[in-house]
Amino acid sequence: MTPVGVNEHLAHLLQVQGGLLDAYLEQNLGARYAYAIVVWEQTPGARLRAVTNLKESGIVRVLLQDLAWSAARATGGGEIPLERSPMFVDPEADDKAGS
């Protein structure tokens, strides 16, 4: 698949998943939540891509740049081990557990 095809396919998939997540959160938790779903390939120079419901996309661009820089620094530019099943991460709970 060409890079353009990958981008179009990935964009569609992320938009569908974001819409499902948005509807699920509002219907089942009774509130609107801000979200950003981020994906990237594990190859050198790979671009991060995201879908969000934030109106100000500039906020997400800043977060993506920070994430890319932090991931590269944490791994020395190498691959990050992946799991097959999603994992929920609560940074506040993790901080409390580590202290």
PDB file of N, CA and C in Angstrom:
ATOM      1  N   MET A   1       0.856  -1.177   0.000  1.00  0.00           N
ATOM      2  CA  MET A   1       0.000   0.000   0.000  1.00  0.00           C
ATOM      3  C   MET A   1       0.899   1.236   0.000  1.00  0.00           C
ATOM      4  N   THR A   2       0.545   2.233  -0.783  1.00  0.00           N
ATOM      5  CA  THR A   2       1.348   3.452  -0.864  1.00  0.00           C
ATOM      6  C   THR A   2       1.201   4.265   0.414  1.00  0.00           C
ATOM      7  N   PRO A   3       2.169   5.173   0.698  1.00  0.00           N
ATOM      8  CA  PRO A   3       2.024   6.031   1.883  1.00  0.00           C
ATOM      9  C   PRO A   3       0.719   6.813   1.897  1.00  0.00           C
ATOM     10  N   VAL A   4       0.272   7.275   0.733  1.00  0.00           N
ATOM     11  CA  VAL A   4      -1.003   8.006   0.670  1.00  0.00           C
ATOM     12  C   VAL A   4      -2.142   7.083   1.064  1.00  0.00           C
ATOM     13  N   GLY A   5      -2.131   5.840   0.555  1.00  0.00           N
ATOM     14  CA  GLY A   5      -3.160   4.870   0.907  1.00  0.00           C
ATOM     15  C   GLY A   5      -3.150   4.548   2.385  1.00  0.00           C
ATOM     16  N   VAL A   6      -1.961   4.420   2.954  1.00  0.00           N
ATOM     17  CA  VAL A   6      -1.848   4.156   4.390  1.00  0.00           C
ATOM     18  C   VAL A   6      -2.439   5.325   5.169  1.00  0.00           C
ATOM     19  N   ASN A   7      -2.097   6.536   4.797  1.00  0.00           N
ATOM     20  CA  ASN A   7      -2.615   7.712   5.500  1.00  0.00           C
ATOM     21  C   ASN A   7      -4.130   7.783   5.431  1.00  0.00           C
ATOM     22  N   GLU A   8      -4.698   7.545   4.251  1.00  0.00           N
ATOM     23  CA  GLU A   8      -6.157   7.603   4.097  1.00  0.00           C
ATOM     24  C   GLU A   8      -6.827   6.503   4.910  1.00  0.00           C
ATOM     25  N   HIS A   9      -6.300   5.305   4.841  1.00  0.00           N
ATOM     26  CA  HIS A   9      -6.869   4.179   5.575  1.00  0.00           C
ATOM     27  C   HIS A   9      -6.753   4.407   7.081  1.00  0.00           C
ATOM     28  N   LEU A  10      -5.585   4.831   7.519  1.00  0.00           N
ATOM     29  CA  LEU A  10      -5.358   5.090   8.939  1.00  0.00           C
ATOM     30  C   LEU A  10      -6.239   6.235   9.438  1.00  0.00           C
ATOM     31  N   ALA A  11      -6.357   7.294   8.660  1.00  0.00           N
ATOM     32  CA  ALA A  11      -7.204   8.420   9.045  1.00  0.00           C
ATOM     33  C   ALA A  11      -8.646   7.975   9.235  1.00  0.00           C
ATOM     34  N   HIS A  12      -9.149   7.187   8.293  1.00  0.00           N
ATOM     35  CA  HIS A  12     -10.529   6.700   8.391  1.00  0.00           C
ATOM     36  C   HIS A  12     -10.707   5.833   9.633  1.00  0.00           C
ATOM     37  N   LEU A  13      -9.802   4.888   9.834  1.00  0.00           N
ATOM     38  CA  LEU A  13      -9.879   4.000  10.989  1.00  0.00           C
ATOM     39  C   LEU A  13      -9.854   4.794  12.305  1.00  0.00           C
ATOM     40  N   LEU A  14      -8.956   5.743  12.415  1.00  0.00           N
ATOM     41  CA  LEU A  14      -8.858   6.537  13.641  1.00  0.00           C
ATOM     42  C   LEU A  14     -10.105   7.384  13.861  1.00  0.00           C
ATOM     43  N   GLN A  15     -10.661   7.951  12.792  1.00  0.00           N
ATOM     44  CA  GLN A  15     -11.874   8.755  12.934  1.00  0.00           C
ATOM     45  C   GLN A  15     -13.049   7.906  13.396  1.00  0.00           C
ATOM     46  N   VAL A  16     -13.177   6.702  12.853  1.00  0.00           N
ATOM     47  CA  VAL A  16     -14.252   5.805  13.283  1.00  0.00           C
ATOM     48  C   VAL A  16     -14.073   5.448  14.753  1.00  0.00           C
ATOM     49  N   GLN A  17     -12.860   5.072  15.148  1.00  0.00           N
ATOM     50  CA  GLN A  17     -12.607   4.701  16.536  1.00  0.00           C
ATOM     51  C   GLN A  17     -12.845   5.890  17.478  1.00  0.00           C
ATOM     52  N   GLY A  18     -12.432   7.072  17.074  1.00  0.00           N
ATOM     53  CA  GLY A  18     -12.661   8.258  17.888  1.00  0.00           C
ATOM     54  C   GLY A  18     -14.141   8.552  18.071  1.00  0.00           C
ATOM     55  N   GLY A  19     -14.910   8.411  16.992  1.00  0.00           N
ATOM     56  CA  GLY A  19     -16.354   8.627  17.079  1.00  0.00           C
ATOM     57  C   GLY A  19     -17.019   7.629  18.009  1.00  0.00           C
ATOM     58  N   LEU A  20     -16.602   6.370  17.917  1.00  0.00           N
ATOM     59  CA  LEU A  20     -17.152   5.349  18.811  1.00  0.00           C
ATOM     60  C   LEU A  20     -16.803   5.636  20.265  1.00  0.00           C
ATOM     61  N   LEU A  21     -15.553   6.014  20.499  1.00  0.00           N
ATOM     62  CA  LEU A  21     -15.119   6.330  21.856  1.00  0.00           C
ATOM     63  C   LEU A  21     -15.891   7.522  22.414  1.00  0.00           C
ATOM     64  N   ASP A  22     -16.031   8.568  21.622  1.00  0.00           N
ATOM     65  CA  ASP A  22     -16.746   9.769  22.054  1.00  0.00           C
ATOM     66  C   ASP A  22     -18.181   9.437  22.443  1.00  0.00           C
ATOM     67  N   ALA A  23     -18.879   8.699  21.592  1.00  0.00           N
ATOM     68  CA  ALA A  23     -20.273   8.336  21.864  1.00  0.00           C
ATOM     69  C   ALA A  23     -20.373   7.440  23.087  1.00  0.00           C
ATOM     70  N   TYR A  24     -19.488   6.464  23.198  1.00  0.00           N
ATOM     71  CA  TYR A  24     -19.521   5.539  24.333  1.00  0.00           C
ATOM     72  C   TYR A  24     -19.316   6.279  25.652  1.00  0.00           C
ATOM     73  N   LEU A  25     -18.336   7.147  25.704  1.00  0.00           N
ATOM     74  CA  LEU A  25     -18.060   7.870  26.948  1.00  0.00           C
ATOM     75  C   LEU A  25     -19.250   8.724  27.374  1.00  0.00           C
ATOM     76  N   GLU A  26     -19.825   9.438  26.428  1.00  0.00           N
ATOM     77  CA  GLU A  26     -20.951  10.302  26.774  1.00  0.00           C
ATOM     78  C   GLU A  26     -22.174   9.492  27.194  1.00  0.00           C
ATOM     79  N   GLN A  27     -22.469   8.426  26.489  1.00  0.00           N
ATOM     80  CA  GLN A  27     -23.659   7.627  26.790  1.00  0.00           C
ATOM     81  C   GLN A  27     -23.511   6.827  28.082  1.00  0.00           C
ATOM     82  N   ASN A  28     -22.330   6.283  28.335  1.00  0.00           N
ATOM     83  CA  ASN A  28     -22.163   5.382  29.470  1.00  0.00           C
ATOM     84  C   ASN A  28     -21.591   6.035  30.719  1.00  0.00           C
ATOM     85  N   LEU A  29     -20.901   7.140  30.561  1.00  0.00           N
ATOM     86  CA  LEU A  29     -20.340   7.824  31.731  1.00  0.00           C
ATOM     87  C   LEU A  29     -21.012   9.165  31.982  1.00  0.00           C
ATOM     88  N   GLY A  30     -21.897   9.560  31.084  1.00  0.00           N
ATOM     89  CA  GLY A  30     -22.705  10.754  31.292  1.00  0.00           C
ATOM     90  C   GLY A  30     -21.958  12.067  31.182  1.00  0.00           C
ATOM     91  N   ALA A  31     -20.805  12.069  30.542  1.00  0.00           N
ATOM     92  CA  ALA A  31     -20.047  13.308  30.399  1.00  0.00           C
ATOM     93  C   ALA A  31     -19.245  13.258  29.107  1.00  0.00           C
ATOM     94  N   ARG A  32     -18.885  14.417  28.610  1.00  0.00           N
ATOM     95  CA  ARG A  32     -17.989  14.493  27.457  1.00  0.00           C
ATOM     96  C   ARG A  32     -16.557  14.461  27.967  1.00  0.00           C
ATOM     97  N   TYR A  33     -15.719  13.718  27.301  1.00  0.00           N
ATOM     98  CA  TYR A  33     -14.302  13.625  27.630  1.00  0.00           C
ATOM     99  C   TYR A  33     -13.480  14.090  26.438  1.00  0.00           C
ATOM    100  N   ALA A  34     -12.392  14.774  26.710  1.00  0.00           N
ATOM    101  CA  ALA A  34     -11.435  15.090  25.651  1.00  0.00           C
ATOM    102  C   ALA A  34     -10.603  13.836  25.416  1.00  0.00           C
ATOM    103  N   TYR A  35     -10.274  13.564  24.166  1.00  0.00           N
ATOM    104  CA  TYR A  35      -9.446  12.399  23.891  1.00  0.00           C
ATOM    105  C   TYR A  35      -8.503  12.685  22.727  1.00  0.00           C
ATOM    106  N   ALA A  36      -7.443  11.932  22.702  1.00  0.00           N
ATOM    107  CA  ALA A  36      -6.523  11.903  21.571  1.00  0.00           C
ATOM    108  C   ALA A  36      -6.038  10.468  21.442  1.00  0.00           C
ATOM    109  N   ILE A  37      -6.237   9.889  20.277  1.00  0.00           N
ATOM    110  CA  ILE A  37      -5.751   8.552  19.978  1.00  0.00           C
ATOM    111  C   ILE A  37      -4.524   8.757  19.091  1.00  0.00           C
ATOM    112  N   VAL A  38      -3.392   8.240  19.523  1.00  0.00           N
ATOM    113  CA  VAL A  38      -2.130   8.471  18.825  1.00  0.00           C
ATOM    114  C   VAL A  38      -1.563   7.144  18.341  1.00  0.00           C
ATOM    115  N   VAL A  39      -1.070   7.120  17.110  1.00  0.00           N
ATOM    116  CA  VAL A  39      -0.418   5.933  16.562  1.00  0.00           C
ATOM    117  C   VAL A  39       0.853   6.360  15.832  1.00  0.00           C
ATOM    118  N   TRP A  40       1.824   5.442  15.800  1.00  0.00           N
ATOM    119  CA  TRP A  40       3.008   5.647  14.979  1.00  0.00           C
ATOM    120  C   TRP A  40       3.669   4.315  14.692  1.00  0.00           C
ATOM    121  N   GLU A  41       4.329   4.255  13.547  1.00  0.00           N
ATOM    122  CA  GLU A  41       5.091   3.063  13.191  1.00  0.00           C
ATOM    123  C   GLU A  41       6.376   3.039  13.992  1.00  0.00           C
ATOM    124  N   GLN A  42       6.919   1.858  14.174  1.00  0.00           N
ATOM    125  CA  GLN A  42       8.159   1.716  14.932  1.00  0.00           C
ATOM    126  C   GLN A  42       9.358   1.691  13.984  1.00  0.00           C
ATOM    127  N   THR A  43       9.420   2.650  13.103  1.00  0.00           N
ATOM    128  CA  THR A  43      10.555   2.761  12.202  1.00  0.00           C
ATOM    129  C   THR A  43      11.192   4.126  12.378  1.00  0.00           C
ATOM    130  N   PRO A  44      12.494   4.222  12.150  1.00  0.00           N
ATOM    131  CA  PRO A  44      13.162   5.526  12.301  1.00  0.00           C
ATOM    132  C   PRO A  44      12.506   6.591  11.431  1.00  0.00           C
ATOM    133  N   GLY A  45      12.253   7.733  12.020  1.00  0.00           N
ATOM    134  CA  GLY A  45      11.651   8.843  11.291  1.00  0.00           C
ATOM    135  C   GLY A  45      10.155   8.728  11.067  1.00  0.00           C
ATOM    136  N   ALA A  46       9.514   7.720  11.669  1.00  0.00           N
ATOM    137  CA  ALA A  46       8.070   7.540  11.477  1.00  0.00           C
ATOM    138  C   ALA A  46       7.301   8.717  12.064  1.00  0.00           C
ATOM    139  N   ARG A  47       6.224   9.084  11.395  1.00  0.00           N
ATOM    140  CA  ARG A  47       5.402  10.200  11.856  1.00  0.00           C
ATOM    141  C   ARG A  47       4.332   9.718  12.818  1.00  0.00           C
ATOM    142  N   LEU A  48       4.053  10.543  13.805  1.00  0.00           N
ATOM    143  CA  LEU A  48       2.926  10.286  14.686  1.00  0.00           C
ATOM    144  C   LEU A  48       1.674  10.800  13.999  1.00  0.00           C
ATOM    145  N   ARG A  49       0.577  10.088  14.199  1.00  0.00           N
ATOM    146  CA  ARG A  49      -0.714  10.515  13.674  1.00  0.00           C
ATOM    147  C   ARG A  49      -1.723  10.394  14.804  1.00  0.00           C
ATOM    148  N   ALA A  50      -2.725  11.251  14.789  1.00  0.00           N
ATOM    149  CA  ALA A  50      -3.685  11.242  15.891  1.00  0.00           C
ATOM    150  C   ALA A  50      -5.055  11.680  15.412  1.00  0.00           C
ATOM    151  N   VAL A  51      -6.043  11.329  16.204  1.00  0.00           N
ATOM    152  CA  VAL A  51      -7.398  11.838  16.024  1.00  0.00           C
ATOM    153  C   VAL A  51      -7.835  12.336  17.401  1.00  0.00           C
ATOM    154  N   THR A  52      -8.565  13.422  17.407  1.00  0.00           N
ATOM    155  CA  THR A  52      -8.978  14.024  18.674  1.00  0.00           C
ATOM    156  C   THR A  52     -10.315  14.730  18.509  1.00  0.00           C
ATOM    157  N   ASN A  53     -10.934  15.031  19.621  1.00  0.00           N
ATOM    158  CA  ASN A  53     -12.147  15.824  19.575  1.00  0.00           C
ATOM    159  C   ASN A  53     -11.893  17.253  20.080  1.00  0.00           C
ATOM    160  N   LEU A  54     -10.638  17.596  20.296  1.00  0.00           N
ATOM    161  CA  LEU A  54     -10.303  18.961  20.703  1.00  0.00           C
ATOM    162  C   LEU A  54     -10.480  19.905  19.517  1.00  0.00           C
ATOM    163  N   LYS A  55     -11.127  21.049  19.744  1.00  0.00           N
ATOM    164  CA  LYS A  55     -11.318  22.012  18.660  1.00  0.00           C
ATOM    165  C   LYS A  55     -10.002  22.659  18.255  1.00  0.00           C
ATOM    166  N   GLU A  56      -9.117  22.855  19.207  1.00  0.00           N
ATOM    167  CA  GLU A  56      -7.826  23.497  18.936  1.00  0.00           C
ATOM    168  C   GLU A  56      -6.788  22.428  18.609  1.00  0.00           C
ATOM    169  N   SER A  57      -6.611  22.132  17.331  1.00  0.00           N
ATOM    170  CA  SER A  57      -5.676  21.080  16.941  1.00  0.00           C
ATOM    171  C   SER A  57      -4.237  21.442  17.275  1.00  0.00           C
ATOM    172  N   GLY A  58      -3.956  22.714  17.479  1.00  0.00           N
ATOM    173  CA  GLY A  58      -2.601  23.127  17.858  1.00  0.00           C
ATOM    174  C   GLY A  58      -2.165  22.517  19.179  1.00  0.00           C
ATOM    175  N   ILE A  59      -3.117  22.320  20.091  1.00  0.00           N
ATOM    176  CA  ILE A  59      -2.814  21.695  21.377  1.00  0.00           C
ATOM    177  C   ILE A  59      -2.323  20.272  21.140  1.00  0.00           C
ATOM    178  N   VAL A  60      -2.983  19.547  20.258  1.00  0.00           N
ATOM    179  CA  VAL A  60      -2.613  18.168  19.970  1.00  0.00           C
ATOM    180  C   VAL A  60      -1.253  18.120  19.280  1.00  0.00           C
ATOM    181  N   ARG A  61      -0.988  19.061  18.384  1.00  0.00           N
ATOM    182  CA  ARG A  61       0.325  19.085  17.715  1.00  0.00           C
ATOM    183  C   ARG A  61       1.450  19.237  18.731  1.00  0.00           C
ATOM    184  N   VAL A  62       1.261  20.103  19.717  1.00  0.00           N
ATOM    185  CA  VAL A  62       2.276  20.283  20.769  1.00  0.00           C
ATOM    186  C   VAL A  62       2.441  18.989  21.558  1.00  0.00           C
ATOM    187  N   LEU A  63       1.332  18.342  21.925  1.00  0.00           N
ATOM    188  CA  LEU A  63       1.399  17.080  22.661  1.00  0.00           C
ATOM    189  C   LEU A  63       2.108  16.002  21.841  1.00  0.00           C
ATOM    190  N   LEU A  64       1.837  15.931  20.540  1.00  0.00           N
ATOM    191  CA  LEU A  64       2.473  14.941  19.678  1.00  0.00           C
ATOM    192  C   LEU A  64       3.979  15.178  19.579  1.00  0.00           C
ATOM    193  N   GLN A  65       4.372  16.439  19.454  1.00  0.00           N
ATOM    194  CA  GLN A  65       5.799  16.744  19.398  1.00  0.00           C
ATOM    195  C   GLN A  65       6.487  16.341  20.698  1.00  0.00           C
ATOM    196  N   ASP A  66       5.846  16.631  21.830  1.00  0.00           N
ATOM    197  CA  ASP A  66       6.402  16.234  23.127  1.00  0.00           C
ATOM    198  C   ASP A  66       6.483  14.725  23.249  1.00  0.00           C
ATOM    199  N   LEU A  67       5.442  14.019  22.792  1.00  0.00           N
ATOM    200  CA  LEU A  67       5.417  12.560  22.865  1.00  0.00           C
ATOM    201  C   LEU A  67       6.512  11.954  21.991  1.00  0.00           C
ATOM    202  N   ALA A  68       6.661  12.450  20.782  1.00  0.00           N
ATOM    203  CA  ALA A  68       7.684  11.926  19.874  1.00  0.00           C
ATOM    204  C   ALA A  68       9.069  12.124  20.468  1.00  0.00           C
ATOM    205  N   TRP A  69       9.326  13.298  20.999  1.00  0.00           N
ATOM    206  CA  TRP A  69      10.627  13.600  21.585  1.00  0.00           C
ATOM    207  C   TRP A  69      10.882  12.716  22.804  1.00  0.00           C
ATOM    208  N   SER A  70       9.877  12.577  23.675  1.00  0.00           N
ATOM    209  CA  SER A  70      10.025  11.765  24.887  1.00  0.00           C
ATOM    210  C   SER A  70      10.231  10.288  24.566  1.00  0.00           C
ATOM    211  N   ALA A  71       9.482   9.769  23.589  1.00  0.00           N
ATOM    212  CA  ALA A  71       9.619   8.360  23.218  1.00  0.00           C
ATOM    213  C   ALA A  71      10.999   8.092  22.634  1.00  0.00           C
ATOM    214  N   ALA A  72      11.470   8.988  21.789  1.00  0.00           N
ATOM    215  CA  ALA A  72      12.799   8.813  21.199  1.00  0.00           C
ATOM    216  C   ALA A  72      13.874   8.866  22.274  1.00  0.00           C
ATOM    217  N   ARG A  73      13.732   9.781  23.210  1.00  0.00           N
ATOM    218  CA  ARG A  73      14.715   9.913  24.291  1.00  0.00           C
ATOM    219  C   ARG A  73      14.684   8.687  25.205  1.00  0.00           C
ATOM    220  N   ALA A  74      13.492   8.207  25.530  1.00  0.00           N
ATOM    221  CA  ALA A  74      13.356   7.075  26.458  1.00  0.00           C
ATOM    222  C   ALA A  74      13.888   5.774  25.865  1.00  0.00           C
ATOM    223  N   THR A  75      13.816   5.638  24.557  1.00  0.00           N
ATOM    224  CA  THR A  75      14.230   4.379  23.926  1.00  0.00           C
ATOM    225  C   THR A  75      15.553   4.496  23.194  1.00  0.00           C
ATOM    226  N   GLY A  76      16.145   5.662  23.193  1.00  0.00           N
ATOM    227  CA  GLY A  76      17.361   5.859  22.408  1.00  0.00           C
ATOM    228  C   GLY A  76      17.091   5.728  20.924  1.00  0.00           C
ATOM    229  N   GLY A  77      15.867   5.962  20.520  1.00  0.00           N
ATOM    230  CA  GLY A  77      15.478   5.873  19.117  1.00  0.00           C
ATOM    231  C   GLY A  77      15.118   4.463  18.675  1.00  0.00           C
ATOM    232  N   GLY A  78      15.162   3.497  19.588  1.00  0.00           N
ATOM    233  CA  GLY A  78      14.836   2.112  19.249  1.00  0.00           C
ATOM    234  C   GLY A  78      13.353   1.829  19.348  1.00  0.00           C
ATOM    235  N   GLU A  79      13.009   0.584  19.075  1.00  0.00           N
ATOM    236  CA  GLU A  79      11.611   0.173  19.134  1.00  0.00           C
ATOM    237  C   GLU A  79      11.128   0.075  20.576  1.00  0.00           C
ATOM    238  N   ILE A  80       9.861   0.338  20.754  1.00  0.00           N
ATOM    239  CA  ILE A  80       9.203   0.207  22.051  1.00  0.00           C
ATOM    240  C   ILE A  80       8.452  -1.119  22.037  1.00  0.00           C
ATOM    241  N   PRO A  81       8.646  -1.985  23.050  1.00  0.00           N
ATOM    242  CA  PRO A  81       7.910  -3.259  23.070  1.00  0.00           C
ATOM    243  C   PRO A  81       6.399  -3.011  23.081  1.00  0.00           C
ATOM    244  N   LEU A  82       5.660  -3.816  22.328  1.00  0.00           N
ATOM    245  CA  LEU A  82       4.212  -3.658  22.204  1.00  0.00           C
ATOM    246  C   LEU A  82       3.485  -4.851  22.799  1.00  0.00           C
ATOM    247  N   GLU A  83       2.275  -4.610  23.287  1.00  0.00           N
ATOM    248  CA  GLU A  83       1.374  -5.654  23.778  1.00  0.00           C
ATOM    249  C   GLU A  83       0.289  -5.870  22.737  1.00  0.00           C
ATOM    250  N   ARG A  84      -0.355  -7.027  22.762  1.00  0.00           N
ATOM    251  CA  ARG A  84      -1.468  -7.297  21.842  1.00  0.00           C
ATOM    252  C   ARG A  84      -2.777  -6.707  22.341  1.00  0.00           C
ATOM    253  N   SER A  85      -2.937  -6.602  23.655  1.00  0.00           N
ATOM    254  CA  SER A  85      -4.195  -6.061  24.193  1.00  0.00           C
ATOM    255  C   SER A  85      -3.951  -4.664  24.757  1.00  0.00           C
ATOM    256  N   PRO A  86      -4.943  -3.790  24.635  1.00  0.00           N
ATOM    257  CA  PRO A  86      -4.799  -2.420  25.145  1.00  0.00           C
ATOM    258  C   PRO A  86      -4.580  -2.405  26.655  1.00  0.00           C
ATOM    259  N   MET A  87      -3.874  -1.404  27.101  1.00  0.00           N
ATOM    260  CA  MET A  87      -3.590  -1.250  28.523  1.00  0.00           C
ATOM    261  C   MET A  87      -4.031   0.152  28.942  1.00  0.00           C
ATOM    262  N   PHE A  88      -4.824   0.229  29.993  1.00  0.00           N
ATOM    263  CA  PHE A  88      -5.252   1.517  30.530  1.00  0.00           C
ATOM    264  C   PHE A  88      -4.133   2.063  31.402  1.00  0.00           C
ATOM    265  N   VAL A  89      -3.779   3.313  31.199  1.00  0.00           N
ATOM    266  CA  VAL A  89      -2.712   3.933  31.976  1.00  0.00           C
ATOM    267  C   VAL A  89      -3.271   5.184  32.649  1.00  0.00           C
ATOM    268  N   ASP A  90      -3.114   5.241  33.952  1.00  0.00           N
ATOM    269  CA  ASP A  90      -3.508   6.407  34.734  1.00  0.00           C
ATOM    270  C   ASP A  90      -2.236   6.995  35.338  1.00  0.00           C
ATOM    271  N   PRO A  91      -1.706   8.063  34.756  1.00  0.00           N
ATOM    272  CA  PRO A  91      -0.441   8.619  35.226  1.00  0.00           C
ATOM    273  C   PRO A  91      -0.455   9.007  36.704  1.00  0.00           C
ATOM    274  N   GLU A  92      -1.585   9.489  37.197  1.00  0.00           N
ATOM    275  CA  GLU A  92      -1.652   9.875  38.608  1.00  0.00           C
ATOM    276  C   GLU A  92      -1.543   8.653  39.513  1.00  0.00           C
ATOM    277  N   ALA A  93      -2.212   7.570  39.161  1.00  0.00           N
ATOM    278  CA  ALA A  93      -2.134   6.352  39.964  1.00  0.00           C
ATOM    279  C   ALA A  93      -0.730   5.773  39.926  1.00  0.00           C
ATOM    280  N   ASP A  94      -0.091   5.823  38.726  1.00  0.00           N
ATOM    281  CA  ASP A  94       1.264   5.308  38.581  1.00  0.00           C
ATOM    282  C   ASP A  94       2.253   6.108  39.416  1.00  0.00           C
ATOM    283  N   ASP A  95       2.080   7.439  39.467  1.00  0.00           N
ATOM    284  CA  ASP A  95       2.963   8.270  40.280  1.00  0.00           C
ATOM    285  C   ASP A  95       2.839   7.927  41.757  1.00  0.00           C
ATOM    286  N   LYS A  96       1.623   7.722  42.215  1.00  0.00           N
ATOM    287  CA  LYS A  96       1.400   7.403  43.618  1.00  0.00           C
ATOM    288  C   LYS A  96       1.969   6.035  43.961  1.00  0.00           C
ATOM    289  N   ALA A  97       1.854   5.078  43.031  1.00  0.00           N
ATOM    290  CA  ALA A  97       2.368   3.731  43.278  1.00  0.00           C
ATOM    291  C   ALA A  97       3.884   3.730  43.322  1.00  0.00           C
ATOM    292  N   GLY A  98       4.502   4.608  42.543  1.00  0.00           N
ATOM    293  CA  GLY A  98       5.967   4.644  42.484  1.00  0.00           C
ATOM    294  C   GLY A  98       6.600   5.402  43.629  1.00  0.00           C
ATOM    295  N   SER A  99       5.815   6.158  44.391  1.00  0.00           N
ATOM    296  CA  SER A  99       6.415   6.958  45.452  1.00  0.00           C
ATOM    297  C   SER A  99       6.383   6.281  46.781  1.00  0.00           C
TER     298      SER A  99
END
